Amino acid sequence: MVFFGFGIPKNVQKKMDKEVEKVFDTTNYSLVPITVSKAVSDLLPTKITADNFFRIKQDKTLLGYAFVDQAPSKTAQFDYLVVFNPNLEIIHSKVLIYREEYGGEIGSKRWLEQFNGKSGKDRVSHETNIDGISGATISVRSMTNSMDNLLQSVGILQEKKML
């Protein structure tokens, strides 16, 4: 696995690598940063940088995409990963590091599976199509809003033929 190691903390990078290896059942891949111009970046609800959005390639084959970021919880932030297939549909998401005493249930595989299959054409909301979790209201809203912003950003980048 070749990683360019720009701005992701080592502990987050290690967890991200483990998830990508598990999803694609390989250790032979590279993460190629996706960059967008400032003009395009200003249009996106989620900031896309060379440090958070990557093409996952094995030799010249595109396996998918990975996005890693932080979202706010009640008093801290948590790190999460979203993995897309080559068609930019979510195939896996994971809360990598959760730093709060309460609300960690958003890291459950079952809850996160609600996002699988979603693409830039979809909207997600904790009020309509994403189940809440008792005792994790703030984290549910934060993760769902972050995912919706990411999906909107991916949709815009697809419309502009940048992905």
N, C-alpha and C. Protein backbone atom coordinates (compact mmCIF):
# COMPACT_ATOMS: atom_id res chain seq x y z
N MET A 1 0.85 -1.17 0.00
CA MET A 1 0.00 0.00 0.00
C MET A 1 0.89 1.23 0.00
N VAL A 2 0.63 2.13 -0.90
CA VAL A 2 1.37 3.38 -0.96
C VAL A 2 0.45 4.50 -0.52
N PHE A 3 0.88 5.25 0.49
CA PHE A 3 0.07 6.37 0.94
C PHE A 3 0.94 7.61 0.93
N PHE A 4 0.39 8.69 0.46
CA PHE A 4 1.16 9.90 0.31
C PHE A 4 1.28 10.69 1.61
N GLY A 5 0.51 10.36 2.64
CA GLY A 5 0.66 10.90 3.98
C GLY A 5 0.69 12.41 4.10
N PHE A 6 -0.21 13.10 3.48
CA PHE A 6 -0.18 14.56 3.53
C PHE A 6 -0.56 15.09 4.90
N GLY A 7 -1.81 15.10 5.24
CA GLY A 7 -2.20 15.76 6.47
C GLY A 7 -3.06 14.92 7.38
N ILE A 8 -3.13 13.64 7.17
CA ILE A 8 -3.95 12.79 8.03
C ILE A 8 -3.10 12.32 9.20
N PRO A 9 -3.58 12.51 10.43
CA PRO A 9 -2.82 12.01 11.58
C PRO A 9 -2.56 10.50 11.44
N LYS A 10 -1.40 10.06 11.92
CA LYS A 10 -0.99 8.65 11.75
C LYS A 10 -2.01 7.66 12.29
N ASN A 11 -2.60 7.95 13.47
CA ASN A 11 -3.56 7.00 14.04
C ASN A 11 -4.82 6.90 13.17
N VAL A 12 -5.24 8.00 12.57
CA VAL A 12 -6.40 7.99 11.68
C VAL A 12 -6.03 7.29 10.37
N GLN A 13 -4.84 7.59 9.85
CA GLN A 13 -4.39 6.98 8.61
C GLN A 13 -4.32 5.47 8.74
N LYS A 14 -3.82 4.99 9.88
CA LYS A 14 -3.68 3.55 10.10
C LYS A 14 -5.05 2.87 10.08
N LYS A 15 -6.03 3.48 10.74
CA LYS A 15 -7.39 2.92 10.76
C LYS A 15 -8.03 2.99 9.38
N MET A 16 -7.77 4.08 8.66
CA MET A 16 -8.29 4.23 7.31
C MET A 16 -7.72 3.15 6.40
N ASP A 17 -6.40 2.94 6.47
CA ASP A 17 -5.76 1.91 5.66
C ASP A 17 -6.38 0.54 5.92
N LYS A 18 -6.60 0.23 7.20
CA LYS A 18 -7.17 -1.07 7.58
C LYS A 18 -8.56 -1.26 6.95
N GLU A 19 -9.38 -0.21 6.98
CA GLU A 19 -10.73 -0.30 6.41
C GLU A 19 -10.68 -0.46 4.90
N VAL A 20 -9.84 0.31 4.23
CA VAL A 20 -9.74 0.22 2.77
C VAL A 20 -9.26 -1.18 2.37
N GLU A 21 -8.28 -1.70 3.10
CA GLU A 21 -7.78 -3.05 2.82
C GLU A 21 -8.89 -4.09 2.99
N LYS A 22 -9.71 -3.91 4.03
CA LYS A 22 -10.80 -4.85 4.29
C LYS A 22 -11.87 -4.76 3.20
N VAL A 23 -12.25 -3.55 2.82
CA VAL A 23 -13.31 -3.37 1.82
C VAL A 23 -12.91 -3.96 0.47
N PHE A 24 -11.67 -3.71 0.05
CA PHE A 24 -11.25 -4.14 -1.27
C PHE A 24 -10.42 -5.43 -1.25
N ASP A 25 -10.23 -6.00 -0.07
CA ASP A 25 -9.52 -7.27 0.09
C ASP A 25 -8.16 -7.26 -0.60
N THR A 26 -7.41 -6.18 -0.35
CA THR A 26 -6.07 -6.07 -0.93
C THR A 26 -5.22 -5.11 -0.10
N THR A 27 -3.93 -5.33 -0.13
CA THR A 27 -3.00 -4.38 0.47
C THR A 27 -2.20 -3.69 -0.63
N ASN A 28 -2.46 -4.08 -1.87
CA ASN A 28 -1.74 -3.54 -3.02
C ASN A 28 -2.58 -2.45 -3.69
N TYR A 29 -2.53 -1.24 -3.15
CA TYR A 29 -3.29 -0.13 -3.72
C TYR A 29 -2.58 1.18 -3.39
N SER A 30 -3.00 2.22 -4.05
CA SER A 30 -2.49 3.55 -3.73
C SER A 30 -3.67 4.51 -3.59
N LEU A 31 -3.48 5.50 -2.76
CA LEU A 31 -4.47 6.55 -2.58
C LEU A 31 -3.96 7.78 -3.33
N VAL A 32 -4.72 8.18 -4.35
CA VAL A 32 -4.32 9.31 -5.18
C VAL A 32 -5.20 10.50 -4.81
N PRO A 33 -4.60 11.57 -4.28
CA PRO A 33 -5.40 12.72 -3.83
C PRO A 33 -6.20 13.34 -4.97
N ILE A 34 -7.42 13.77 -4.63
CA ILE A 34 -8.27 14.50 -5.57
C ILE A 34 -8.21 15.96 -5.17
N THR A 35 -7.87 16.81 -6.11
CA THR A 35 -7.83 18.24 -5.82
C THR A 35 -8.85 18.95 -6.70
N VAL A 36 -9.39 20.02 -6.17
CA VAL A 36 -10.32 20.86 -6.93
C VAL A 36 -9.86 22.31 -6.79
N SER A 37 -10.21 23.11 -7.76
CA SER A 37 -9.83 24.52 -7.72
C SER A 37 -10.58 25.24 -6.60
N LYS A 38 -10.06 26.38 -6.21
CA LYS A 38 -10.71 27.16 -5.16
C LYS A 38 -12.11 27.57 -5.60
N ALA A 39 -12.28 27.92 -6.87
CA ALA A 39 -13.59 28.34 -7.39
C ALA A 39 -14.62 27.21 -7.22
N VAL A 40 -14.21 26.00 -7.54
CA VAL A 40 -15.12 24.86 -7.39
C VAL A 40 -15.30 24.54 -5.91
N SER A 41 -14.23 24.57 -5.15
CA SER A 41 -14.29 24.27 -3.72
C SER A 41 -15.29 25.18 -3.00
N ASP A 42 -15.34 26.44 -3.42
CA ASP A 42 -16.27 27.40 -2.80
C ASP A 42 -17.73 27.05 -3.04
N LEU A 43 -18.01 26.24 -4.07
CA LEU A 43 -19.38 25.82 -4.38
C LEU A 43 -19.83 24.61 -3.57
N LEU A 44 -18.86 23.92 -2.94
CA LEU A 44 -19.15 22.64 -2.30
C LEU A 44 -19.51 22.79 -0.83
N PRO A 45 -20.53 22.07 -0.37
CA PRO A 45 -20.86 22.09 1.06
C PRO A 45 -19.79 21.45 1.93
N THR A 46 -19.03 20.49 1.38
CA THR A 46 -17.92 19.85 2.09
C THR A 46 -16.63 20.28 1.42
N LYS A 47 -15.68 20.70 2.22
CA LYS A 47 -14.39 21.09 1.66
C LYS A 47 -13.64 19.85 1.20
N ILE A 48 -13.23 19.85 -0.06
CA ILE A 48 -12.47 18.75 -0.64
C ILE A 48 -11.03 19.23 -0.77
N THR A 49 -10.12 18.47 -0.17
CA THR A 49 -8.70 18.82 -0.25
C THR A 49 -7.90 17.58 -0.64
N ALA A 50 -6.64 17.79 -0.92
CA ALA A 50 -5.74 16.67 -1.23
C ALA A 50 -5.51 15.79 -0.01
N ASP A 51 -5.94 16.26 1.16
CA ASP A 51 -5.76 15.51 2.41
C ASP A 51 -6.98 14.70 2.83
N ASN A 52 -8.12 14.83 2.10
CA ASN A 52 -9.29 14.12 2.59
C ASN A 52 -10.07 13.32 1.54
N PHE A 53 -9.79 13.48 0.26
CA PHE A 53 -10.55 12.76 -0.76
C PHE A 53 -9.56 12.13 -1.73
N PHE A 54 -9.72 10.82 -1.96
CA PHE A 54 -8.74 10.06 -2.73
C PHE A 54 -9.39 9.09 -3.70
N ARG A 55 -8.74 8.89 -4.83
CA ARG A 55 -9.05 7.76 -5.69
C ARG A 55 -8.26 6.58 -5.13
N ILE A 56 -8.88 5.42 -5.09
CA ILE A 56 -8.19 4.21 -4.65
C ILE A 56 -7.89 3.41 -5.91
N LYS A 57 -6.60 3.26 -6.19
CA LYS A 57 -6.19 2.60 -7.43
C LYS A 57 -5.32 1.40 -7.14
N GLN A 58 -5.48 0.39 -7.97
CA GLN A 58 -4.61 -0.77 -7.96
C GLN A 58 -4.02 -0.84 -9.36
N ASP A 59 -2.73 -0.52 -9.45
CA ASP A 59 -2.09 -0.32 -10.74
C ASP A 59 -2.85 0.79 -11.47
N LYS A 60 -3.45 0.49 -12.62
CA LYS A 60 -4.19 1.52 -13.35
C LYS A 60 -5.71 1.37 -13.16
N THR A 61 -6.12 0.41 -12.35
CA THR A 61 -7.54 0.14 -12.14
C THR A 61 -8.09 0.96 -10.98
N LEU A 62 -9.20 1.62 -11.22
CA LEU A 62 -9.88 2.38 -10.17
C LEU A 62 -10.73 1.42 -9.34
N LEU A 63 -10.38 1.26 -8.07
CA LEU A 63 -11.17 0.41 -7.18
C LEU A 63 -12.34 1.19 -6.59
N GLY A 64 -12.12 2.48 -6.31
CA GLY A 64 -13.15 3.30 -5.70
C GLY A 64 -12.56 4.61 -5.21
N TYR A 65 -13.24 5.18 -4.22
CA TYR A 65 -12.84 6.46 -3.66
C TYR A 65 -12.94 6.38 -2.14
N ALA A 66 -12.13 7.19 -1.46
CA ALA A 66 -12.19 7.26 -0.01
C ALA A 66 -12.22 8.73 0.42
N PHE A 67 -13.05 9.01 1.40
CA PHE A 67 -13.14 10.35 1.98
C PHE A 67 -13.01 10.22 3.48
N VAL A 68 -12.12 10.99 4.07
CA VAL A 68 -11.93 10.97 5.52
C VAL A 68 -12.03 12.40 6.04
N ASP A 69 -12.75 12.56 7.16
CA ASP A 69 -12.95 13.91 7.69
C ASP A 69 -13.32 13.82 9.17
N GLN A 70 -13.58 14.99 9.75
CA GLN A 70 -14.06 15.06 11.12
C GLN A 70 -15.42 15.72 11.12
N ALA A 71 -16.24 15.33 12.10
CA ALA A 71 -17.54 15.95 12.30
C ALA A 71 -17.67 16.25 13.80
N PRO A 72 -18.43 17.29 14.14
CA PRO A 72 -18.55 17.65 15.56
C PRO A 72 -19.49 16.72 16.31
N SER A 73 -19.13 16.44 17.56
CA SER A 73 -20.05 15.78 18.48
C SER A 73 -20.37 16.83 19.54
N LYS A 74 -20.82 16.45 20.70
CA LYS A 74 -21.26 17.44 21.69
C LYS A 74 -20.14 18.39 22.10
N THR A 75 -19.00 17.87 22.50
CA THR A 75 -17.91 18.73 22.96
C THR A 75 -16.60 18.48 22.22
N ALA A 76 -16.56 17.55 21.31
CA ALA A 76 -15.33 17.22 20.59
C ALA A 76 -15.66 16.98 19.12
N GLN A 77 -14.78 16.29 18.43
CA GLN A 77 -15.03 15.89 17.05
C GLN A 77 -14.70 14.42 16.92
N PHE A 78 -15.30 13.78 15.91
CA PHE A 78 -14.97 12.39 15.63
C PHE A 78 -14.49 12.28 14.20
N ASP A 79 -13.62 11.31 13.96
CA ASP A 79 -13.08 11.06 12.64
C ASP A 79 -13.89 9.95 11.98
N TYR A 80 -14.19 10.14 10.70
CA TYR A 80 -14.96 9.12 9.99
C TYR A 80 -14.41 8.94 8.58
N LEU A 81 -14.73 7.79 8.02
CA LEU A 81 -14.30 7.40 6.68
C LEU A 81 -15.53 6.98 5.88
N VAL A 82 -15.56 7.39 4.61
CA VAL A 82 -16.60 6.94 3.69
C VAL A 82 -15.89 6.37 2.46
N VAL A 83 -16.27 5.15 2.08
CA VAL A 83 -15.67 4.50 0.91
C VAL A 83 -16.76 4.36 -0.16
N PHE A 84 -16.41 4.77 -1.37
CA PHE A 84 -17.32 4.71 -2.51
C PHE A 84 -16.80 3.67 -3.51
N ASN A 85 -17.71 3.09 -4.28
CA ASN A 85 -17.31 2.24 -5.39
C ASN A 85 -16.95 3.15 -6.58
N PRO A 86 -16.50 2.60 -7.72
CA PRO A 86 -16.13 3.45 -8.86
C PRO A 86 -17.29 4.28 -9.40
N ASN A 87 -18.53 3.88 -9.12
CA ASN A 87 -19.70 4.65 -9.56
C ASN A 87 -20.10 5.73 -8.55
N LEU A 88 -19.26 5.92 -7.53
CA LEU A 88 -19.47 6.91 -6.48
C LEU A 88 -20.74 6.65 -5.66
N GLU A 89 -20.98 5.38 -5.38
CA GLU A 89 -22.03 4.99 -4.45
C GLU A 89 -21.34 4.52 -3.17
N ILE A 90 -21.88 4.91 -2.04
CA ILE A 90 -21.27 4.52 -0.76
C ILE A 90 -21.37 3.01 -0.60
N ILE A 91 -20.22 2.39 -0.30
CA ILE A 91 -20.22 0.95 -0.04
C ILE A 91 -19.79 0.63 1.39
N HIS A 92 -19.22 1.64 2.08
CA HIS A 92 -18.76 1.40 3.45
C HIS A 92 -18.54 2.75 4.13
N SER A 93 -18.90 2.81 5.40
CA SER A 93 -18.56 3.98 6.21
C SER A 93 -18.19 3.49 7.60
N LYS A 94 -17.35 4.27 8.25
CA LYS A 94 -16.83 3.84 9.55
C LYS A 94 -16.48 5.08 10.37
N VAL A 95 -16.87 5.07 11.64
CA VAL A 95 -16.39 6.07 12.58
C VAL A 95 -15.04 5.53 13.06
N LEU A 96 -13.98 6.23 12.71
CA LEU A 96 -12.63 5.76 13.01
C LEU A 96 -12.24 6.03 14.46
N ILE A 97 -12.50 7.24 14.93
CA ILE A 97 -12.17 7.61 16.30
C ILE A 97 -13.31 8.46 16.85
N TYR A 98 -13.90 8.00 17.94
CA TYR A 98 -14.97 8.74 18.61
C TYR A 98 -14.46 9.17 19.98
N ARG A 99 -14.55 10.45 20.29
CA ARG A 99 -13.89 11.00 21.48
C ARG A 99 -14.84 11.41 22.60
N GLU A 100 -16.08 11.00 22.55
CA GLU A 100 -17.05 11.38 23.57
C GLU A 100 -17.44 10.18 24.42
N GLU A 101 -17.98 10.47 25.58
CA GLU A 101 -18.46 9.41 26.45
C GLU A 101 -19.79 8.85 25.95
N TYR A 102 -20.62 9.72 25.39
CA TYR A 102 -21.95 9.31 24.89
C TYR A 102 -22.04 9.53 23.39
N GLY A 103 -22.89 8.76 22.75
CA GLY A 103 -23.16 8.94 21.33
C GLY A 103 -22.36 8.04 20.42
N GLY A 104 -21.47 7.24 20.98
CA GLY A 104 -20.62 6.38 20.17
C GLY A 104 -21.39 5.33 19.39
N GLU A 105 -22.67 5.19 19.67
CA GLU A 105 -23.49 4.20 18.95
C GLU A 105 -23.56 4.50 17.45
N ILE A 106 -23.23 5.73 17.06
CA ILE A 106 -23.23 6.03 15.61
C ILE A 106 -22.16 5.23 14.89
N GLY A 107 -21.24 4.67 15.64
CA GLY A 107 -20.21 3.84 15.03
C GLY A 107 -20.66 2.43 14.74
N SER A 108 -21.90 2.10 15.12
CA SER A 108 -22.36 0.73 14.89
C SER A 108 -22.52 0.46 13.39
N LYS A 109 -22.06 -0.70 12.99
CA LYS A 109 -22.11 -1.11 11.59
C LYS A 109 -23.56 -1.04 11.08
N ARG A 110 -24.47 -1.50 11.91
CA ARG A 110 -25.88 -1.55 11.51
C ARG A 110 -26.42 -0.15 11.21
N TRP A 111 -26.10 0.83 12.07
CA TRP A 111 -26.59 2.19 11.84
C TRP A 111 -25.96 2.79 10.58
N LEU A 112 -24.65 2.60 10.42
CA LEU A 112 -23.94 3.19 9.28
C LEU A 112 -24.37 2.58 7.95
N GLU A 113 -24.86 1.35 7.97
CA GLU A 113 -25.30 0.70 6.73
C GLU A 113 -26.46 1.44 6.05
N GLN A 114 -27.13 2.33 6.79
CA GLN A 114 -28.21 3.12 6.18
C GLN A 114 -27.71 3.99 5.03
N PHE A 115 -26.41 4.31 5.04
CA PHE A 115 -25.85 5.17 4.01
C PHE A 115 -25.40 4.40 2.78
N ASN A 116 -25.25 3.08 2.89
CA ASN A 116 -24.79 2.27 1.76
C ASN A 116 -25.74 2.41 0.58
N GLY A 117 -25.16 2.53 -0.60
CA GLY A 117 -25.95 2.66 -1.83
C GLY A 117 -26.28 4.09 -2.18
N LYS A 118 -26.05 5.02 -1.27
CA LYS A 118 -26.36 6.43 -1.54
C LYS A 118 -25.28 7.00 -2.46
N SER A 119 -25.70 7.96 -3.29
CA SER A 119 -24.78 8.59 -4.23
C SER A 119 -25.04 10.10 -4.25
N GLY A 120 -24.37 10.78 -5.14
CA GLY A 120 -24.53 12.23 -5.25
C GLY A 120 -25.93 12.68 -5.63
N LYS A 121 -26.75 11.75 -6.09
CA LYS A 121 -28.14 12.08 -6.43
C LYS A 121 -29.07 12.02 -5.22
N ASP A 122 -28.58 11.44 -4.12
CA ASP A 122 -29.42 11.22 -2.94
C ASP A 122 -29.21 12.29 -1.88
N ARG A 123 -30.26 12.51 -1.09
CA ARG A 123 -30.19 13.36 0.10
C ARG A 123 -30.47 12.47 1.30
N VAL A 124 -29.78 12.73 2.40
CA VAL A 124 -30.05 12.01 3.64
C VAL A 124 -30.36 13.02 4.73
N SER A 125 -31.27 12.65 5.62
CA SER A 125 -31.67 13.55 6.70
C SER A 125 -32.08 12.74 7.92
N HIS A 126 -31.67 13.22 9.08
CA HIS A 126 -32.06 12.55 10.33
C HIS A 126 -33.55 12.74 10.60
N GLU A 127 -34.19 13.64 9.87
CA GLU A 127 -35.62 13.89 10.06
C GLU A 127 -36.49 13.02 9.16
N THR A 128 -35.94 12.54 8.05
CA THR A 128 -36.78 11.82 7.10
C THR A 128 -36.35 10.38 6.82
N ASN A 129 -35.11 10.15 6.45
CA ASN A 129 -34.76 8.81 5.96
C ASN A 129 -33.57 8.16 6.67
N ILE A 130 -33.10 8.74 7.76
CA ILE A 130 -32.04 8.11 8.55
C ILE A 130 -32.55 7.96 9.98
N ASP A 131 -32.48 6.75 10.50
CA ASP A 131 -32.98 6.47 11.85
C ASP A 131 -32.12 7.17 12.90
N GLY A 132 -32.79 7.64 13.94
CA GLY A 132 -32.09 8.23 15.07
C GLY A 132 -31.64 7.16 16.04
N ILE A 133 -30.85 7.59 17.03
CA ILE A 133 -30.40 6.69 18.09
C ILE A 133 -30.62 7.43 19.41
N SER A 134 -31.37 6.83 20.29
CA SER A 134 -31.60 7.43 21.60
C SER A 134 -30.27 7.60 22.33
N GLY A 135 -30.03 8.79 22.83
CA GLY A 135 -28.79 9.07 23.54
C GLY A 135 -27.65 9.51 22.65
N ALA A 136 -27.88 9.56 21.35
CA ALA A 136 -26.82 9.97 20.42
C ALA A 136 -27.36 11.01 19.43
N THR A 137 -28.31 11.80 19.86
CA THR A 137 -28.99 12.73 18.96
C THR A 137 -28.03 13.69 18.27
N ILE A 138 -27.14 14.30 19.03
CA ILE A 138 -26.20 15.27 18.44
C ILE A 138 -25.29 14.59 17.42
N SER A 139 -24.76 13.44 17.77
CA SER A 139 -23.86 12.72 16.86
C SER A 139 -24.59 12.22 15.62
N VAL A 140 -25.83 11.77 15.78
CA VAL A 140 -26.63 11.33 14.63
C VAL A 140 -26.83 12.50 13.67
N ARG A 141 -27.23 13.64 14.21
CA ARG A 141 -27.44 14.82 13.35
C ARG A 141 -26.14 15.23 12.66
N SER A 142 -25.06 15.24 13.41
CA SER A 142 -23.78 15.65 12.86
C SER A 142 -23.32 14.71 11.75
N MET A 143 -23.36 13.41 12.00
CA MET A 143 -22.92 12.44 10.99
C MET A 143 -23.83 12.49 9.76
N THR A 144 -25.13 12.59 9.98
CA THR A 144 -26.07 12.63 8.86
C THR A 144 -25.87 13.90 8.04
N ASN A 145 -25.71 15.04 8.71
CA ASN A 145 -25.45 16.29 7.98
C ASN A 145 -24.14 16.22 7.21
N SER A 146 -23.11 15.66 7.83
CA SER A 146 -21.82 15.51 7.15
C SER A 146 -21.94 14.63 5.92
N MET A 147 -22.67 13.52 6.06
CA MET A 147 -22.86 12.61 4.92
C MET A 147 -23.66 13.30 3.81
N ASP A 148 -24.70 14.05 4.18
CA ASP A 148 -25.51 14.74 3.17
C ASP A 148 -24.66 15.78 2.44
N ASN A 149 -23.85 16.54 3.18
CA ASN A 149 -22.98 17.53 2.54
C ASN A 149 -21.98 16.85 1.61
N LEU A 150 -21.43 15.72 2.03
CA LEU A 150 -20.50 14.97 1.18
C LEU A 150 -21.19 14.50 -0.09
N LEU A 151 -22.39 13.94 0.05
CA LEU A 151 -23.12 13.46 -1.13
C LEU A 151 -23.44 14.61 -2.09
N GLN A 152 -23.84 15.77 -1.54
CA GLN A 152 -24.10 16.93 -2.40
C GLN A 152 -22.82 17.35 -3.12
N SER A 153 -21.69 17.35 -2.40
CA SER A 153 -20.41 17.73 -3.00
C SER A 153 -20.02 16.76 -4.12
N VAL A 154 -20.18 15.47 -3.87
CA VAL A 154 -19.88 14.47 -4.89
C VAL A 154 -20.77 14.69 -6.11
N GLY A 155 -22.05 14.97 -5.88
CA GLY A 155 -22.97 15.24 -6.98
C GLY A 155 -22.54 16.42 -7.83
N ILE A 156 -22.10 17.49 -7.17
CA ILE A 156 -21.63 18.68 -7.90
C ILE A 156 -20.37 18.35 -8.71
N LEU A 157 -19.44 17.63 -8.08
CA LEU A 157 -18.21 17.26 -8.80
C LEU A 157 -18.51 16.34 -9.98
N GLN A 158 -19.51 15.47 -9.84
CA GLN A 158 -19.89 14.61 -10.98
C GLN A 158 -20.51 15.45 -12.09
N GLU A 159 -21.39 16.39 -11.74
CA GLU A 159 -21.99 17.26 -12.73
C GLU A 159 -20.94 18.03 -13.51
N LYS A 160 -19.89 18.44 -12.82
CA LYS A 160 -18.81 19.22 -13.45
C LYS A 160 -17.78 18.30 -14.10
N LYS A 161 -18.07 17.00 -14.13
CA LYS A 161 -17.19 15.99 -14.77
C LYS A 161 -15.77 16.01 -14.16
N MET A 162 -15.72 16.23 -12.84
CA MET A 162 -14.44 16.25 -12.15
C MET A 162 -14.15 14.93 -11.44
N LEU A 163 -15.15 14.03 -11.42
CA LEU A 163 -14.97 12.70 -10.84
C LEU A 163 -15.42 11.67 -11.86
